[in-house]
Structure formats: structure tokens, C-alpha cells
């Protein structure tokens, strides 16, 4: 794997992902996470966001996020 390849993990905060990779915003919206701009996104991890919003497929979200930044 290339060292500079972007990898988004469940432990990254939503705010960190959006700040570093703004192209992920539509992916979050498609998966039902419309909180990308709220203050909670600064400390809530991707996994916590999935749980708190009742989203069923964390793996699908992570795959789509990583495709968006590939």
C-alpha cells in the first residue's frame, strides 16, 4: 500500500475526515450522516456516528469514504 494513500478508519473523527477530505461530505449524506457540520462531529468518531444515527453498515460507509478519497 502506498504511504500517501488515504485511509479512513472508524476511529477517525467525522470532523477530521471532512476537514482533510471534503469530497467525503456527499458520502456521509448518502449514508444518513448529515451531522458533518455540527459541533459534535469534531469529537465523534465515524463509528460513534454510525451507532448514534442507527446506521447498519459501518463497513459500507468506510468503503465508500475510502473510494471517495482514492
PDB file of N, CA and C in Angstrom:
ATOM      1  N   UNK A   1       0.850  -1.174   0.000  1.00  0.00           N
ATOM      2  CA  UNK A   1       0.000   0.000   0.000  1.00  0.00           C
ATOM      3  C   UNK A   1       0.899   1.242   0.000  1.00  0.00           C
ATOM      4  N   UNK A   2       0.563   2.179  -0.826  1.00  0.00           N
ATOM      5  CA  UNK A   2       1.347   3.416  -0.903  1.00  0.00           C
ATOM      6  C   UNK A   2       1.212   4.204   0.385  1.00  0.00           C
ATOM      7  N   UNK A   3       2.312   4.777   0.827  1.00  0.00           N
ATOM      8  CA  UNK A   3       2.324   5.508   2.089  1.00  0.00           C
ATOM      9  C   UNK A   3       1.401   6.718   2.058  1.00  0.00           C
ATOM     10  N   UNK A   4       1.254   7.331   0.895  1.00  0.00           N
ATOM     11  CA  UNK A   4       0.434   8.534   0.803  1.00  0.00           C
ATOM     12  C   UNK A   4      -1.033   8.230   0.509  1.00  0.00           C
ATOM     13  N   UNK A   5      -1.389   6.957   0.438  1.00  0.00           N
ATOM     14  CA  UNK A   5      -2.772   6.592   0.159  1.00  0.00           C
ATOM     15  C   UNK A   5      -3.642   6.919   1.376  1.00  0.00           C
ATOM     16  N   UNK A   6      -4.765   7.558   1.133  1.00  0.00           N
ATOM     17  CA  UNK A   6      -5.666   7.950   2.217  1.00  0.00           C
ATOM     18  C   UNK A   6      -6.405   6.732   2.727  1.00  0.00           C
ATOM     19  N   UNK A   7      -6.392   6.572   4.007  1.00  0.00           N
ATOM     20  CA  UNK A   7      -7.146   5.503   4.649  1.00  0.00           C
ATOM     21  C   UNK A   7      -8.015   6.129   5.738  1.00  0.00           C
ATOM     22  N   UNK A   8      -9.302   5.976   5.580  1.00  0.00           N
ATOM     23  CA  UNK A   8     -10.243   6.472   6.578  1.00  0.00           C
ATOM     24  C   UNK A   8     -10.665   5.279   7.420  1.00  0.00           C
ATOM     25  N   UNK A   9     -10.538   5.432   8.730  1.00  0.00           N
ATOM     26  CA  UNK A   9     -10.880   4.346   9.641  1.00  0.00           C
ATOM     27  C   UNK A   9     -12.039   4.751  10.542  1.00  0.00           C
ATOM     28  N   UNK A  10     -12.607   3.768  11.200  1.00  0.00           N
ATOM     29  CA  UNK A  10     -13.747   4.004  12.093  1.00  0.00           C
ATOM     30  C   UNK A  10     -13.366   4.840  13.297  1.00  0.00           C
ATOM     31  N   UNK A  11     -12.081   4.916  13.620  1.00  0.00           N
ATOM     32  CA  UNK A  11     -11.611   5.645  14.791  1.00  0.00           C
ATOM     33  C   UNK A  11     -11.311   7.117  14.527  1.00  0.00           C
ATOM     34  N   UNK A  12     -11.358   7.534  13.280  1.00  0.00           N
ATOM     35  CA  UNK A  12     -11.150   8.950  12.951  1.00  0.00           C
ATOM     36  C   UNK A  12     -12.422   9.721  13.274  1.00  0.00           C
ATOM     37  N   UNK A  13     -12.268  10.976  13.707  1.00  0.00           N
ATOM     38  CA  UNK A  13     -13.471  11.766  13.941  1.00  0.00           C
ATOM     39  C   UNK A  13     -14.077  12.181  12.596  1.00  0.00           C
ATOM     40  N   UNK A  14     -15.374  12.388  12.618  1.00  0.00           N
ATOM     41  CA  UNK A  14     -16.062  12.829  11.403  1.00  0.00           C
ATOM     42  C   UNK A  14     -15.491  14.174  10.965  1.00  0.00           C
ATOM     43  N   UNK A  15     -15.262  15.061  11.924  1.00  0.00           N
ATOM     44  CA  UNK A  15     -14.694  16.365  11.608  1.00  0.00           C
ATOM     45  C   UNK A  15     -13.327  16.270  10.969  1.00  0.00           C
ATOM     46  N   UNK A  16     -12.494  15.371  11.467  1.00  0.00           N
ATOM     47  CA  UNK A  16     -11.156  15.157  10.902  1.00  0.00           C
ATOM     48  C   UNK A  16     -11.255  14.686   9.456  1.00  0.00           C
ATOM     49  N   UNK A  17     -12.158  13.747   9.200  1.00  0.00           N
ATOM     50  CA  UNK A  17     -12.327  13.217   7.842  1.00  0.00           C
ATOM     51  C   UNK A  17     -12.789  14.322   6.902  1.00  0.00           C
ATOM     52  N   UNK A  18     -13.800  15.066   7.316  1.00  0.00           N
ATOM     53  CA  UNK A  18     -14.356  16.111   6.457  1.00  0.00           C
ATOM     54  C   UNK A  18     -13.352  17.233   6.207  1.00  0.00           C
ATOM     55  N   UNK A  19     -12.598  17.598   7.240  1.00  0.00           N
ATOM     56  CA  UNK A  19     -11.603  18.663   7.077  1.00  0.00           C
ATOM     57  C   UNK A  19     -10.496  18.243   6.120  1.00  0.00           C
ATOM     58  N   UNK A  20     -10.036  17.014   6.274  1.00  0.00           N
ATOM     59  CA  UNK A  20      -8.931  16.526   5.442  1.00  0.00           C
ATOM     60  C   UNK A  20      -9.404  16.138   4.041  1.00  0.00           C
ATOM     61  N   UNK A  21     -10.630  15.622   3.960  1.00  0.00           N
ATOM     62  CA  UNK A  21     -11.172  15.124   2.687  1.00  0.00           C
ATOM     63  C   UNK A  21     -12.582  15.658   2.467  1.00  0.00           C
ATOM     64  N   UNK A  22     -12.729  16.910   2.064  1.00  0.00           N
ATOM     65  CA  UNK A  22     -14.071  17.493   1.897  1.00  0.00           C
ATOM     66  C   UNK A  22     -14.947  16.746   0.888  1.00  0.00           C
ATOM     67  N   UNK A  23     -14.328  16.015   0.001  1.00  0.00           N
ATOM     68  CA  UNK A  23     -15.101  15.260  -1.001  1.00  0.00           C
ATOM     69  C   UNK A  23     -15.899  14.118  -0.372  1.00  0.00           C
ATOM     70  N   UNK A  24     -15.709  13.867   0.926  1.00  0.00           N
ATOM     71  CA  UNK A  24     -16.460  12.807   1.597  1.00  0.00           C
ATOM     72  C   UNK A  24     -17.835  13.259   2.091  1.00  0.00           C
ATOM     73  N   UNK A  25     -18.076  14.550   2.100  1.00  0.00           N
ATOM     74  CA  UNK A  25     -19.354  15.053   2.614  1.00  0.00           C
ATOM     75  C   UNK A  25     -20.552  14.382   1.939  1.00  0.00           C
ATOM     76  N   UNK A  26     -20.605  14.296   0.602  1.00  0.00           N
ATOM     77  CA  UNK A  26     -21.760  13.630  -0.016  1.00  0.00           C
ATOM     78  C   UNK A  26     -21.887  12.160   0.385  1.00  0.00           C
ATOM     79  N   UNK A  27     -20.774  11.508   0.646  1.00  0.00           N
ATOM     80  CA  UNK A  27     -20.806  10.104   1.072  1.00  0.00           C
ATOM     81  C   UNK A  27     -21.477   9.994   2.442  1.00  0.00           C
ATOM     82  N   UNK A  28     -21.094  10.864   3.367  1.00  0.00           N
ATOM     83  CA  UNK A  28     -21.743  10.860   4.671  1.00  0.00           C
ATOM     84  C   UNK A  28     -23.246  11.082   4.522  1.00  0.00           C
ATOM     85  N   UNK A  29     -23.639  12.043   3.688  1.00  0.00           N
ATOM     86  CA  UNK A  29     -25.064  12.314   3.478  1.00  0.00           C
ATOM     87  C   UNK A  29     -25.791  11.104   2.904  1.00  0.00           C
ATOM     88  N   UNK A  30     -25.194  10.454   1.913  1.00  0.00           N
ATOM     89  CA  UNK A  30     -25.822   9.277   1.295  1.00  0.00           C
ATOM     90  C   UNK A  30     -26.047   8.161   2.305  1.00  0.00           C
ATOM     91  N   UNK A  31     -25.187   8.083   3.284  1.00  0.00           N
ATOM     92  CA  UNK A  31     -25.301   7.020   4.284  1.00  0.00           C
ATOM     93  C   UNK A  31     -26.113   7.448   5.510  1.00  0.00           C
ATOM     94  N   UNK A  32     -26.694   8.637   5.468  1.00  0.00           N
ATOM     95  CA  UNK A  32     -27.574   9.076   6.550  1.00  0.00           C
ATOM     96  C   UNK A  32     -26.882   9.817   7.676  1.00  0.00           C
ATOM     97  N   UNK A  33     -25.659  10.266   7.447  1.00  0.00           N
ATOM     98  CA  UNK A  33     -24.927  11.043   8.447  1.00  0.00           C
ATOM     99  C   UNK A  33     -24.862  12.489   7.987  1.00  0.00           C
ATOM    100  N   UNK A  34     -25.875  13.245   8.348  1.00  0.00           N
ATOM    101  CA  UNK A  34     -25.944  14.643   7.929  1.00  0.00           C
ATOM    102  C   UNK A  34     -25.338  15.582   8.961  1.00  0.00           C
ATOM    103  N   UNK A  35     -24.606  15.014   9.920  1.00  0.00           N
ATOM    104  CA  UNK A  35     -24.068  15.815  11.022  1.00  0.00           C
ATOM    105  C   UNK A  35     -22.655  16.312  10.746  1.00  0.00           C
ATOM    106  N   UNK A  36     -22.211  16.270   9.523  1.00  0.00           N
ATOM    107  CA  UNK A  36     -20.821  16.614   9.226  1.00  0.00           C
ATOM    108  C   UNK A  36     -20.460  18.042   9.610  1.00  0.00           C
ATOM    109  N   UNK A  37     -21.423  18.914   9.707  1.00  0.00           N
ATOM    110  CA  UNK A  37     -21.130  20.299  10.045  1.00  0.00           C
ATOM    111  C   UNK A  37     -21.430  20.681  11.485  1.00  0.00           C
ATOM    112  N   UNK A  38     -21.954  19.750  12.258  1.00  0.00           N
ATOM    113  CA  UNK A  38     -22.304  20.108  13.635  1.00  0.00           C
ATOM    114  C   UNK A  38     -21.086  19.991  14.548  1.00  0.00           C
ATOM    115  N   UNK A  39     -21.148  20.633  15.696  1.00  0.00           N
ATOM    116  CA  UNK A  39     -20.007  20.652  16.605  1.00  0.00           C
ATOM    117  C   UNK A  39     -19.647  19.268  17.141  1.00  0.00           C
ATOM    118  N   UNK A  40     -20.597  18.361  17.204  1.00  0.00           N
ATOM    119  CA  UNK A  40     -20.337  17.010  17.694  1.00  0.00           C
ATOM    120  C   UNK A  40     -19.376  16.265  16.766  1.00  0.00           C
ATOM    121  N   UNK A  41     -19.392  16.599  15.497  1.00  0.00           N
ATOM    122  CA  UNK A  41     -18.519  15.932  14.524  1.00  0.00           C
ATOM    123  C   UNK A  41     -17.044  16.122  14.850  1.00  0.00           C
ATOM    124  N   UNK A  42     -16.727  17.134  15.631  1.00  0.00           N
ATOM    125  CA  UNK A  42     -15.328  17.376  15.975  1.00  0.00           C
ATOM    126  C   UNK A  42     -14.766  16.335  16.939  1.00  0.00           C
ATOM    127  N   UNK A  43     -15.606  15.662  17.699  1.00  0.00           N
ATOM    128  CA  UNK A  43     -15.107  14.645  18.620  1.00  0.00           C
ATOM    129  C   UNK A  43     -15.730  13.274  18.408  1.00  0.00           C
ATOM    130  N   UNK A  44     -16.810  13.193  17.634  1.00  0.00           N
ATOM    131  CA  UNK A  44     -17.474  11.911  17.391  1.00  0.00           C
ATOM    132  C   UNK A  44     -16.747  11.152  16.283  1.00  0.00           C
ATOM    133  N   UNK A  45     -16.390   9.908  16.552  1.00  0.00           N
ATOM    134  CA  UNK A  45     -15.719   9.107  15.530  1.00  0.00           C
ATOM    135  C   UNK A  45     -16.732   8.635  14.486  1.00  0.00           C
ATOM    136  N   UNK A  46     -16.228   8.164  13.379  1.00  0.00           N
ATOM    137  CA  UNK A  46     -17.099   7.620  12.337  1.00  0.00           C
ATOM    138  C   UNK A  46     -17.943   6.489  12.926  1.00  0.00           C
ATOM    139  N   UNK A  47     -17.328   5.630  13.699  1.00  0.00           N
ATOM    140  CA  UNK A  47     -18.063   4.513  14.301  1.00  0.00           C
ATOM    141  C   UNK A  47     -19.142   5.010  15.261  1.00  0.00           C
ATOM    142  N   UNK A  48     -18.826   5.982  16.098  1.00  0.00           N
ATOM    143  CA  UNK A  48     -19.816   6.525  17.026  1.00  0.00           C
ATOM    144  C   UNK A  48     -20.974   7.177  16.278  1.00  0.00           C
ATOM    145  N   UNK A  49     -20.665   7.859  15.168  1.00  0.00           N
ATOM    146  CA  UNK A  49     -21.707   8.479  14.367  1.00  0.00           C
ATOM    147  C   UNK A  49     -22.655   7.449  13.773  1.00  0.00           C
ATOM    148  N   UNK A  50     -22.088   6.357  13.295  1.00  0.00           N
ATOM    149  CA  UNK A  50     -22.897   5.273  12.736  1.00  0.00           C
ATOM    150  C   UNK A  50     -23.833   4.706  13.811  1.00  0.00           C
ATOM    151  N   UNK A  51     -23.283   4.470  14.989  1.00  0.00           N
ATOM    152  CA  UNK A  51     -24.080   3.908  16.088  1.00  0.00           C
ATOM    153  C   UNK A  51     -25.176   4.885  16.515  1.00  0.00           C
ATOM    154  N   UNK A  52     -24.804   6.135  16.721  1.00  0.00           N
ATOM    155  CA  UNK A  52     -25.784   7.108  17.226  1.00  0.00           C
ATOM    156  C   UNK A  52     -26.877   7.436  16.217  1.00  0.00           C
ATOM    157  N   UNK A  53     -26.620   7.224  14.938  1.00  0.00           N
ATOM    158  CA  UNK A  53     -27.630   7.503  13.920  1.00  0.00           C
ATOM    159  C   UNK A  53     -28.350   6.239  13.439  1.00  0.00           C
ATOM    160  N   UNK A  54     -28.053   5.100  14.067  1.00  0.00           N
ATOM    161  CA  UNK A  54     -28.756   3.869  13.739  1.00  0.00           C
ATOM    162  C   UNK A  54     -28.430   3.310  12.362  1.00  0.00           C
ATOM    163  N   UNK A  55     -27.265   3.628  11.855  1.00  0.00           N
ATOM    164  CA  UNK A  55     -26.853   3.126  10.537  1.00  0.00           C
ATOM    165  C   UNK A  55     -26.349   1.701  10.717  1.00  0.00           C
ATOM    166  N   UNK A  56     -26.746   0.831   9.812  1.00  0.00           N
ATOM    167  CA  UNK A  56     -26.473  -0.589   9.966  1.00  0.00           C
ATOM    168  C   UNK A  56     -25.120  -1.051   9.427  1.00  0.00           C
ATOM    169  N   UNK A  57     -24.567  -0.376   8.444  1.00  0.00           N
ATOM    170  CA  UNK A  57     -23.406  -0.932   7.756  1.00  0.00           C
ATOM    171  C   UNK A  57     -22.195   0.001   7.790  1.00  0.00           C
ATOM    172  N   UNK A  58     -21.436  -0.080   8.860  1.00  0.00           N
ATOM    173  CA  UNK A  58     -20.215   0.708   9.011  1.00  0.00           C
ATOM    174  C   UNK A  58     -19.215   0.385   7.907  1.00  0.00           C
ATOM    175  N   UNK A  59     -19.087  -0.897   7.575  1.00  0.00           N
ATOM    176  CA  UNK A  59     -18.116  -1.300   6.553  1.00  0.00           C
ATOM    177  C   UNK A  59     -18.426  -0.675   5.195  1.00  0.00           C
ATOM    178  N   UNK A  60     -19.704  -0.608   4.834  1.00  0.00           N
ATOM    179  CA  UNK A  60     -20.083   0.001   3.552  1.00  0.00           C
ATOM    180  C   UNK A  60     -19.746   1.489   3.542  1.00  0.00           C
ATOM    181  N   UNK A  61     -19.998   2.174   4.658  1.00  0.00           N
ATOM    182  CA  UNK A  61     -19.658   3.592   4.751  1.00  0.00           C
ATOM    183  C   UNK A  61     -18.158   3.787   4.605  1.00  0.00           C
ATOM    184  N   UNK A  62     -17.374   3.012   5.338  1.00  0.00           N
ATOM    185  CA  UNK A  62     -15.918   3.147   5.259  1.00  0.00           C
ATOM    186  C   UNK A  62     -15.405   2.858   3.846  1.00  0.00           C
ATOM    187  N   UNK A  63     -15.982   1.859   3.204  1.00  0.00           N
ATOM    188  CA  UNK A  63     -15.575   1.539   1.834  1.00  0.00           C
ATOM    189  C   UNK A  63     -15.876   2.716   0.905  1.00  0.00           C
ATOM    190  N   UNK A  64     -17.050   3.274   1.015  1.00  0.00           N
ATOM    191  CA  UNK A  64     -17.426   4.412   0.151  1.00  0.00           C
ATOM    192  C   UNK A  64     -16.592   5.650   0.455  1.00  0.00           C
ATOM    193  N   UNK A  65     -16.290   5.885   1.732  1.00  0.00           N
ATOM    194  CA  UNK A  65     -15.440   7.020   2.080  1.00  0.00           C
ATOM    195  C   UNK A  65     -14.046   6.869   1.479  1.00  0.00           C
ATOM    196  N   UNK A  66     -13.496   5.679   1.586  1.00  0.00           N
ATOM    197  CA  UNK A  66     -12.161   5.451   1.049  1.00  0.00           C
ATOM    198  C   UNK A  66     -12.148   5.486  -0.480  1.00  0.00           C
ATOM    199  N   UNK A  67     -13.220   5.067  -1.109  1.00  0.00           N
ATOM    200  CA  UNK A  67     -13.314   5.187  -2.569  1.00  0.00           C
ATOM    201  C   UNK A  67     -13.339   6.667  -2.978  1.00  0.00           C
ATOM    202  N   UNK A  68     -13.999   7.480  -2.179  1.00  0.00           N
ATOM    203  CA  UNK A  68     -14.101   8.904  -2.498  1.00  0.00           C
ATOM    204  C   UNK A  68     -12.756   9.605  -2.436  1.00  0.00           C
ATOM    205  N   UNK A  69     -11.841   9.106  -1.627  1.00  0.00           N
ATOM    206  CA  UNK A  69     -10.545   9.762  -1.493  1.00  0.00           C
ATOM    207  C   UNK A  69      -9.431   9.046  -2.241  1.00  0.00           C
ATOM    208  N   UNK A  70      -9.756   7.935  -2.857  1.00  0.00           N
ATOM    209  CA  UNK A  70      -8.742   7.142  -3.587  1.00  0.00           C
ATOM    210  C   UNK A  70      -8.278   7.858  -4.845  1.00  0.00           C
TER     211      UNK A  70
END
